[in-house]
Amino acid sequence: MSILKEFKEFAVKGNAVDMAVGIIVGAAFGKIISSLVADVFMPPIGVLIGGVDFSKLAITIKEAVDGAPAVTLNYGNFIQSAVDFTIIAFVIFMVVKLINKLKKTEVAPPPPEPAPTKEELLLTEIRDLLKQKN
């Protein structure tokens, strides 16, 4: 089997296509949540704690010298990313919980046990007759 044919079979399988769609939607969803956190949630939090802009929080390790940029430890970006992650994880948790709940409600009850066949009925009758003789 040629490599191109194998690749074509792999690429058009449902799992590969579903995974690709999930990754693309997930990346877009991540951008939306990052914007929500950075542009909606963090400014009021910054105001509440004294007008702090988290994205600009940093510790200067080495000052700028002779045109070389300063070396900084940008812990504000880390705080921003941690809040992004927490919100994204919570939203994904709620979506998965909703999906699981929907799956549970859609599950059909198990079918009733089938009625005994003619052979089973006959064997049961023979068994009962043999028990009566003993």
N, C-alpha and C. Protein backbone atom coordinates (compact mmCIF):
# COMPACT_ATOMS: atom_id res chain seq x y z
N MET A 1 0.86 -1.18 0.00
CA MET A 1 0.00 0.00 0.00
C MET A 1 0.90 1.23 0.00
N SER A 2 0.59 2.17 -0.86
CA SER A 2 1.43 3.35 -0.96
C SER A 2 1.22 4.28 0.24
N ILE A 3 2.20 5.07 0.49
CA ILE A 3 2.14 6.00 1.61
C ILE A 3 1.01 7.01 1.41
N LEU A 4 0.82 7.49 0.19
CA LEU A 4 -0.25 8.45 -0.07
C LEU A 4 -1.62 7.84 0.20
N LYS A 5 -1.80 6.58 -0.19
CA LYS A 5 -3.08 5.93 0.03
C LYS A 5 -3.33 5.73 1.53
N GLU A 6 -2.28 5.31 2.25
CA GLU A 6 -2.41 5.15 3.70
C GLU A 6 -2.74 6.48 4.37
N PHE A 7 -2.05 7.54 3.93
CA PHE A 7 -2.31 8.86 4.51
C PHE A 7 -3.73 9.31 4.23
N LYS A 8 -4.21 9.07 3.01
CA LYS A 8 -5.57 9.46 2.64
C LYS A 8 -6.58 8.73 3.54
N GLU A 9 -6.38 7.42 3.75
CA GLU A 9 -7.29 6.67 4.62
C GLU A 9 -7.25 7.20 6.05
N PHE A 10 -6.06 7.55 6.53
CA PHE A 10 -5.93 8.10 7.88
C PHE A 10 -6.60 9.46 7.99
N ALA A 11 -6.37 10.31 7.00
CA ALA A 11 -6.85 11.70 7.07
C ALA A 11 -8.36 11.80 6.99
N VAL A 12 -8.99 10.90 6.27
CA VAL A 12 -10.44 11.00 6.12
C VAL A 12 -11.21 10.16 7.13
N LYS A 13 -10.51 9.45 8.00
CA LYS A 13 -11.21 8.72 9.06
C LYS A 13 -11.91 9.72 9.96
N GLY A 14 -13.03 9.32 10.52
CA GLY A 14 -13.80 10.20 11.38
C GLY A 14 -13.01 10.71 12.57
N ASN A 15 -12.19 9.86 13.19
CA ASN A 15 -11.46 10.27 14.38
C ASN A 15 -10.46 11.38 14.09
N ALA A 16 -9.75 11.28 12.98
CA ALA A 16 -8.75 12.30 12.65
C ALA A 16 -9.43 13.63 12.34
N VAL A 17 -10.53 13.58 11.60
CA VAL A 17 -11.23 14.80 11.25
C VAL A 17 -11.85 15.42 12.51
N ASP A 18 -12.46 14.59 13.36
CA ASP A 18 -13.04 15.10 14.60
C ASP A 18 -11.98 15.74 15.49
N MET A 19 -10.82 15.11 15.56
CA MET A 19 -9.74 15.65 16.38
C MET A 19 -9.27 17.00 15.83
N ALA A 20 -9.14 17.10 14.51
CA ALA A 20 -8.70 18.36 13.90
C ALA A 20 -9.70 19.48 14.18
N VAL A 21 -10.98 19.17 14.03
CA VAL A 21 -12.02 20.16 14.30
C VAL A 21 -11.96 20.57 15.77
N GLY A 22 -11.80 19.60 16.66
CA GLY A 22 -11.71 19.91 18.09
C GLY A 22 -10.53 20.81 18.42
N ILE A 23 -9.40 20.57 17.79
CA ILE A 23 -8.21 21.39 18.05
C ILE A 23 -8.44 22.82 17.56
N ILE A 24 -9.01 22.95 16.38
CA ILE A 24 -9.25 24.29 15.82
C ILE A 24 -10.25 25.06 16.67
N VAL A 25 -11.35 24.40 17.03
CA VAL A 25 -12.36 25.06 17.87
C VAL A 25 -11.77 25.38 19.24
N GLY A 26 -10.98 24.46 19.78
CA GLY A 26 -10.34 24.68 21.09
C GLY A 26 -9.41 25.88 21.07
N ALA A 27 -8.64 26.03 19.99
CA ALA A 27 -7.73 27.17 19.89
C ALA A 27 -8.51 28.48 19.82
N ALA A 28 -9.57 28.49 19.04
CA ALA A 28 -10.40 29.70 18.95
C ALA A 28 -11.06 30.00 20.28
N PHE A 29 -11.53 28.95 20.95
CA PHE A 29 -12.17 29.11 22.26
C PHE A 29 -11.16 29.66 23.27
N GLY A 30 -9.93 29.18 23.20
CA GLY A 30 -8.88 29.68 24.10
C GLY A 30 -8.62 31.16 23.90
N LYS A 31 -8.64 31.62 22.66
CA LYS A 31 -8.45 33.05 22.38
C LYS A 31 -9.60 33.88 22.95
N ILE A 32 -10.81 33.36 22.80
CA ILE A 32 -11.98 34.08 23.33
C ILE A 32 -11.88 34.19 24.85
N ILE A 33 -11.55 33.10 25.50
CA ILE A 33 -11.45 33.11 26.97
C ILE A 33 -10.30 34.01 27.42
N SER A 34 -9.18 33.98 26.70
CA SER A 34 -8.05 34.86 27.06
C SER A 34 -8.47 36.32 26.96
N SER A 35 -9.19 36.66 25.91
CA SER A 35 -9.68 38.03 25.77
C SER A 35 -10.67 38.37 26.88
N LEU A 36 -11.56 37.44 27.19
CA LEU A 36 -12.53 37.66 28.26
C LEU A 36 -11.81 37.95 29.58
N VAL A 37 -10.80 37.15 29.88
CA VAL A 37 -10.08 37.35 31.13
C VAL A 37 -9.30 38.65 31.11
N ALA A 38 -8.52 38.88 30.04
CA ALA A 38 -7.64 40.05 29.98
C ALA A 38 -8.43 41.36 29.86
N ASP A 39 -9.51 41.34 29.10
CA ASP A 39 -10.21 42.58 28.80
C ASP A 39 -11.44 42.84 29.66
N VAL A 40 -12.00 41.80 30.27
CA VAL A 40 -13.22 41.98 31.04
C VAL A 40 -13.00 41.73 32.54
N PHE A 41 -12.35 40.61 32.87
CA PHE A 41 -12.22 40.26 34.29
C PHE A 41 -11.07 40.97 35.00
N MET A 42 -9.90 41.04 34.35
CA MET A 42 -8.72 41.54 35.04
C MET A 42 -8.75 43.05 35.32
N PRO A 43 -9.28 43.89 34.43
CA PRO A 43 -9.30 45.33 34.77
C PRO A 43 -10.08 45.64 36.06
N PRO A 44 -11.29 45.10 36.27
CA PRO A 44 -11.95 45.38 37.55
C PRO A 44 -11.20 44.81 38.76
N ILE A 45 -10.60 43.64 38.58
CA ILE A 45 -9.81 43.07 39.68
C ILE A 45 -8.63 43.98 39.99
N GLY A 46 -7.98 44.49 38.94
CA GLY A 46 -6.87 45.42 39.13
C GLY A 46 -7.31 46.68 39.85
N VAL A 47 -8.48 47.21 39.50
CA VAL A 47 -9.00 48.41 40.17
C VAL A 47 -9.29 48.11 41.63
N LEU A 48 -9.88 46.95 41.90
CA LEU A 48 -10.20 46.58 43.29
C LEU A 48 -8.96 46.47 44.17
N ILE A 49 -7.85 46.06 43.59
CA ILE A 49 -6.63 45.93 44.41
C ILE A 49 -5.69 47.12 44.23
N GLY A 50 -6.22 48.23 43.78
CA GLY A 50 -5.42 49.46 43.78
C GLY A 50 -4.94 49.88 42.42
N GLY A 51 -5.65 49.58 41.37
CA GLY A 51 -5.27 50.05 40.04
C GLY A 51 -4.11 49.31 39.42
N VAL A 52 -3.88 48.06 39.81
CA VAL A 52 -2.76 47.30 39.27
C VAL A 52 -3.13 46.71 37.92
N ASP A 53 -2.26 46.90 36.93
CA ASP A 53 -2.42 46.25 35.63
C ASP A 53 -1.52 45.02 35.66
N PHE A 54 -2.14 43.84 35.71
CA PHE A 54 -1.37 42.60 35.88
C PHE A 54 -0.37 42.37 34.77
N SER A 55 -0.71 42.75 33.55
CA SER A 55 0.20 42.48 32.43
C SER A 55 1.50 43.27 32.55
N LYS A 56 1.51 44.33 33.36
CA LYS A 56 2.72 45.13 33.50
C LYS A 56 3.51 44.84 34.77
N LEU A 57 3.05 43.88 35.56
CA LEU A 57 3.78 43.52 36.78
C LEU A 57 5.05 42.76 36.40
N ALA A 58 6.19 43.25 36.87
CA ALA A 58 7.46 42.61 36.55
C ALA A 58 8.51 43.02 37.56
N ILE A 59 9.51 42.18 37.69
CA ILE A 59 10.67 42.48 38.53
C ILE A 59 11.86 42.65 37.59
N THR A 60 12.56 43.76 37.71
CA THR A 60 13.72 43.99 36.85
C THR A 60 14.92 43.29 37.46
N ILE A 61 15.46 42.36 36.70
CA ILE A 61 16.64 41.60 37.16
C ILE A 61 17.91 42.37 36.81
N LYS A 62 17.93 42.94 35.61
CA LYS A 62 19.10 43.71 35.17
C LYS A 62 18.59 44.91 34.40
N GLU A 63 19.03 46.08 34.78
CA GLU A 63 18.61 47.32 34.14
C GLU A 63 19.13 47.37 32.70
N ALA A 64 18.47 48.18 31.88
CA ALA A 64 18.91 48.38 30.50
C ALA A 64 20.24 49.13 30.50
N VAL A 65 21.19 48.64 29.71
CA VAL A 65 22.51 49.25 29.66
C VAL A 65 22.95 49.36 28.20
N ASP A 66 23.37 50.55 27.81
CA ASP A 66 23.94 50.79 26.48
C ASP A 66 23.08 50.22 25.34
N GLY A 67 21.83 50.46 25.36
CA GLY A 67 20.95 50.02 24.28
C GLY A 67 20.44 48.59 24.43
N ALA A 68 21.00 47.83 25.35
CA ALA A 68 20.51 46.47 25.59
C ALA A 68 19.26 46.57 26.45
N PRO A 69 18.23 45.82 26.11
CA PRO A 69 16.99 45.91 26.88
C PRO A 69 17.16 45.36 28.29
N ALA A 70 16.31 45.82 29.17
CA ALA A 70 16.33 45.34 30.55
C ALA A 70 15.87 43.88 30.59
N VAL A 71 16.41 43.15 31.55
CA VAL A 71 16.00 41.76 31.76
C VAL A 71 14.97 41.79 32.88
N THR A 72 13.77 41.34 32.57
CA THR A 72 12.69 41.39 33.56
C THR A 72 12.05 40.03 33.76
N LEU A 73 11.53 39.84 34.96
CA LEU A 73 10.76 38.65 35.30
C LEU A 73 9.30 39.09 35.30
N ASN A 74 8.55 38.70 34.27
CA ASN A 74 7.19 39.18 34.06
C ASN A 74 6.17 38.29 34.77
N TYR A 75 6.08 38.40 36.07
CA TYR A 75 5.18 37.55 36.83
C TYR A 75 3.72 37.94 36.64
N GLY A 76 3.46 39.15 36.17
CA GLY A 76 2.09 39.57 35.88
C GLY A 76 1.49 38.76 34.74
N ASN A 77 2.30 38.48 33.73
CA ASN A 77 1.83 37.63 32.63
C ASN A 77 1.51 36.23 33.13
N PHE A 78 2.31 35.75 34.08
CA PHE A 78 2.04 34.43 34.66
C PHE A 78 0.71 34.43 35.41
N ILE A 79 0.46 35.48 36.19
CA ILE A 79 -0.82 35.58 36.91
C ILE A 79 -1.96 35.59 35.89
N GLN A 80 -1.80 36.35 34.84
CA GLN A 80 -2.82 36.42 33.78
C GLN A 80 -3.06 35.03 33.19
N SER A 81 -1.99 34.31 32.88
CA SER A 81 -2.13 32.97 32.29
C SER A 81 -2.77 32.00 33.28
N ALA A 82 -2.43 32.12 34.55
CA ALA A 82 -3.03 31.23 35.56
C ALA A 82 -4.54 31.47 35.67
N VAL A 83 -4.95 32.72 35.63
CA VAL A 83 -6.38 33.03 35.67
C VAL A 83 -7.06 32.53 34.40
N ASP A 84 -6.43 32.73 33.24
CA ASP A 84 -6.96 32.20 31.98
C ASP A 84 -7.18 30.70 32.09
N PHE A 85 -6.16 30.00 32.55
CA PHE A 85 -6.24 28.54 32.66
C PHE A 85 -7.37 28.12 33.59
N THR A 86 -7.49 28.78 34.73
CA THR A 86 -8.52 28.41 35.69
C THR A 86 -9.91 28.58 35.09
N ILE A 87 -10.13 29.68 34.41
CA ILE A 87 -11.45 29.92 33.81
C ILE A 87 -11.71 28.93 32.68
N ILE A 88 -10.71 28.69 31.82
CA ILE A 88 -10.88 27.73 30.73
C ILE A 88 -11.15 26.34 31.29
N ALA A 89 -10.41 25.92 32.29
CA ALA A 89 -10.61 24.60 32.88
C ALA A 89 -12.01 24.47 33.47
N PHE A 90 -12.48 25.52 34.14
CA PHE A 90 -13.82 25.49 34.73
C PHE A 90 -14.90 25.40 33.65
N VAL A 91 -14.75 26.19 32.60
CA VAL A 91 -15.74 26.16 31.52
C VAL A 91 -15.76 24.80 30.84
N ILE A 92 -14.59 24.23 30.57
CA ILE A 92 -14.53 22.90 29.96
C ILE A 92 -15.14 21.86 30.89
N PHE A 93 -14.87 21.96 32.19
CA PHE A 93 -15.48 21.05 33.16
C PHE A 93 -17.00 21.12 33.09
N MET A 94 -17.55 22.35 33.03
CA MET A 94 -19.00 22.50 32.97
C MET A 94 -19.57 21.94 31.66
N VAL A 95 -18.85 22.13 30.55
CA VAL A 95 -19.32 21.60 29.27
C VAL A 95 -19.33 20.07 29.29
N VAL A 96 -18.25 19.47 29.81
CA VAL A 96 -18.18 18.01 29.90
C VAL A 96 -19.27 17.48 30.82
N LYS A 97 -19.50 18.18 31.93
CA LYS A 97 -20.55 17.77 32.86
C LYS A 97 -21.91 17.81 32.17
N LEU A 98 -22.17 18.85 31.39
CA LEU A 98 -23.43 18.97 30.65
C LEU A 98 -23.56 17.85 29.62
N ILE A 99 -22.49 17.57 28.90
CA ILE A 99 -22.52 16.50 27.90
C ILE A 99 -22.80 15.16 28.56
N ASN A 100 -22.14 14.90 29.69
CA ASN A 100 -22.37 13.64 30.40
C ASN A 100 -23.81 13.54 30.88
N LYS A 101 -24.37 14.65 31.33
CA LYS A 101 -25.76 14.66 31.78
C LYS A 101 -26.70 14.37 30.61
N LEU A 102 -26.43 14.95 29.45
CA LEU A 102 -27.24 14.70 28.28
C LEU A 102 -27.14 13.25 27.83
N LYS A 103 -25.94 12.67 27.93
CA LYS A 103 -25.77 11.27 27.56
C LYS A 103 -26.58 10.36 28.47
N LYS A 104 -26.61 10.67 29.76
CA LYS A 104 -27.36 9.85 30.71
C LYS A 104 -28.84 9.89 30.43
N THR A 105 -29.37 11.05 30.04
CA THR A 105 -30.81 11.15 29.80
C THR A 105 -31.20 10.51 28.48
N GLU A 106 -30.26 10.40 27.54
CA GLU A 106 -30.57 9.82 26.25
C GLU A 106 -30.44 8.31 26.23
N VAL A 107 -29.90 7.71 27.27
CA VAL A 107 -29.70 6.27 27.29
C VAL A 107 -31.05 5.59 27.39
N ALA A 108 -31.31 4.68 26.46
CA ALA A 108 -32.58 3.96 26.45
C ALA A 108 -32.55 2.86 27.51
N PRO A 109 -33.70 2.57 28.10
CA PRO A 109 -33.73 1.50 29.09
C PRO A 109 -33.40 0.16 28.42
N PRO A 110 -32.84 -0.76 29.18
CA PRO A 110 -32.48 -2.04 28.57
C PRO A 110 -33.75 -2.76 28.11
N PRO A 111 -33.65 -3.49 27.02
CA PRO A 111 -34.84 -4.20 26.52
C PRO A 111 -35.26 -5.29 27.51
N PRO A 112 -36.54 -5.59 27.57
CA PRO A 112 -36.98 -6.64 28.49
C PRO A 112 -36.41 -7.99 28.06
N GLU A 113 -36.32 -8.89 29.02
CA GLU A 113 -35.79 -10.21 28.70
C GLU A 113 -36.73 -10.90 27.73
N PRO A 114 -36.16 -11.58 26.75
CA PRO A 114 -37.02 -12.24 25.77
C PRO A 114 -37.79 -13.40 26.41
N ALA A 115 -38.94 -13.68 25.87
CA ALA A 115 -39.74 -14.79 26.38
C ALA A 115 -39.02 -16.10 26.10
N PRO A 116 -39.23 -17.10 26.95
CA PRO A 116 -38.54 -18.39 26.72
C PRO A 116 -39.00 -19.02 25.40
N THR A 117 -38.05 -19.69 24.76
CA THR A 117 -38.36 -20.35 23.50
C THR A 117 -39.18 -21.62 23.77
N LYS A 118 -39.70 -22.20 22.71
CA LYS A 118 -40.48 -23.43 22.85
C LYS A 118 -39.65 -24.54 23.47
N GLU A 119 -38.37 -24.61 23.07
CA GLU A 119 -37.49 -25.65 23.61
C GLU A 119 -37.29 -25.46 25.11
N GLU A 120 -37.10 -24.20 25.53
CA GLU A 120 -36.91 -23.93 26.96
C GLU A 120 -38.17 -24.28 27.75
N LEU A 121 -39.32 -23.95 27.21
CA LEU A 121 -40.58 -24.30 27.88
C LEU A 121 -40.73 -25.81 28.01
N LEU A 122 -40.41 -26.53 26.95
CA LEU A 122 -40.50 -27.98 26.97
C LEU A 122 -39.53 -28.58 27.98
N LEU A 123 -38.30 -28.07 27.99
CA LEU A 123 -37.31 -28.57 28.94
C LEU A 123 -37.73 -28.26 30.38
N THR A 124 -38.32 -27.11 30.60
CA THR A 124 -38.78 -26.75 31.94
C THR A 124 -39.90 -27.71 32.37
N GLU A 125 -40.78 -28.03 31.45
CA GLU A 125 -41.88 -28.95 31.76
C GLU A 125 -41.34 -30.34 32.08
N ILE A 126 -40.37 -30.80 31.29
CA ILE A 126 -39.76 -32.12 31.55
C ILE A 126 -39.07 -32.12 32.91
N ARG A 127 -38.36 -31.04 33.22
CA ARG A 127 -37.68 -30.94 34.52
C ARG A 127 -38.69 -31.04 35.67
N ASP A 128 -39.77 -30.30 35.53
CA ASP A 128 -40.79 -30.31 36.59
C ASP A 128 -41.41 -31.69 36.75
N LEU A 129 -41.65 -32.40 35.64
CA LEU A 129 -42.22 -33.75 35.71
C LEU A 129 -41.24 -34.71 36.38
N LEU A 130 -39.96 -34.55 36.08
CA LEU A 130 -38.95 -35.43 36.71
C LEU A 130 -38.86 -35.16 38.21
N LYS A 131 -39.00 -33.91 38.61
CA LYS A 131 -38.96 -33.57 40.03
C LYS A 131 -40.16 -34.19 40.75
N GLN A 132 -41.32 -34.24 40.09
CA GLN A 132 -42.54 -34.79 40.71
C GLN A 132 -42.41 -36.31 40.91
N LYS A 133 -41.69 -37.02 40.01
CA LYS A 133 -41.51 -38.47 40.13
C LYS A 133 -40.59 -38.81 41.28
N ASN A 134 -39.65 -37.98 41.60
CA ASN A 134 -38.69 -38.28 42.67
C ASN A 134 -39.17 -37.86 43.99
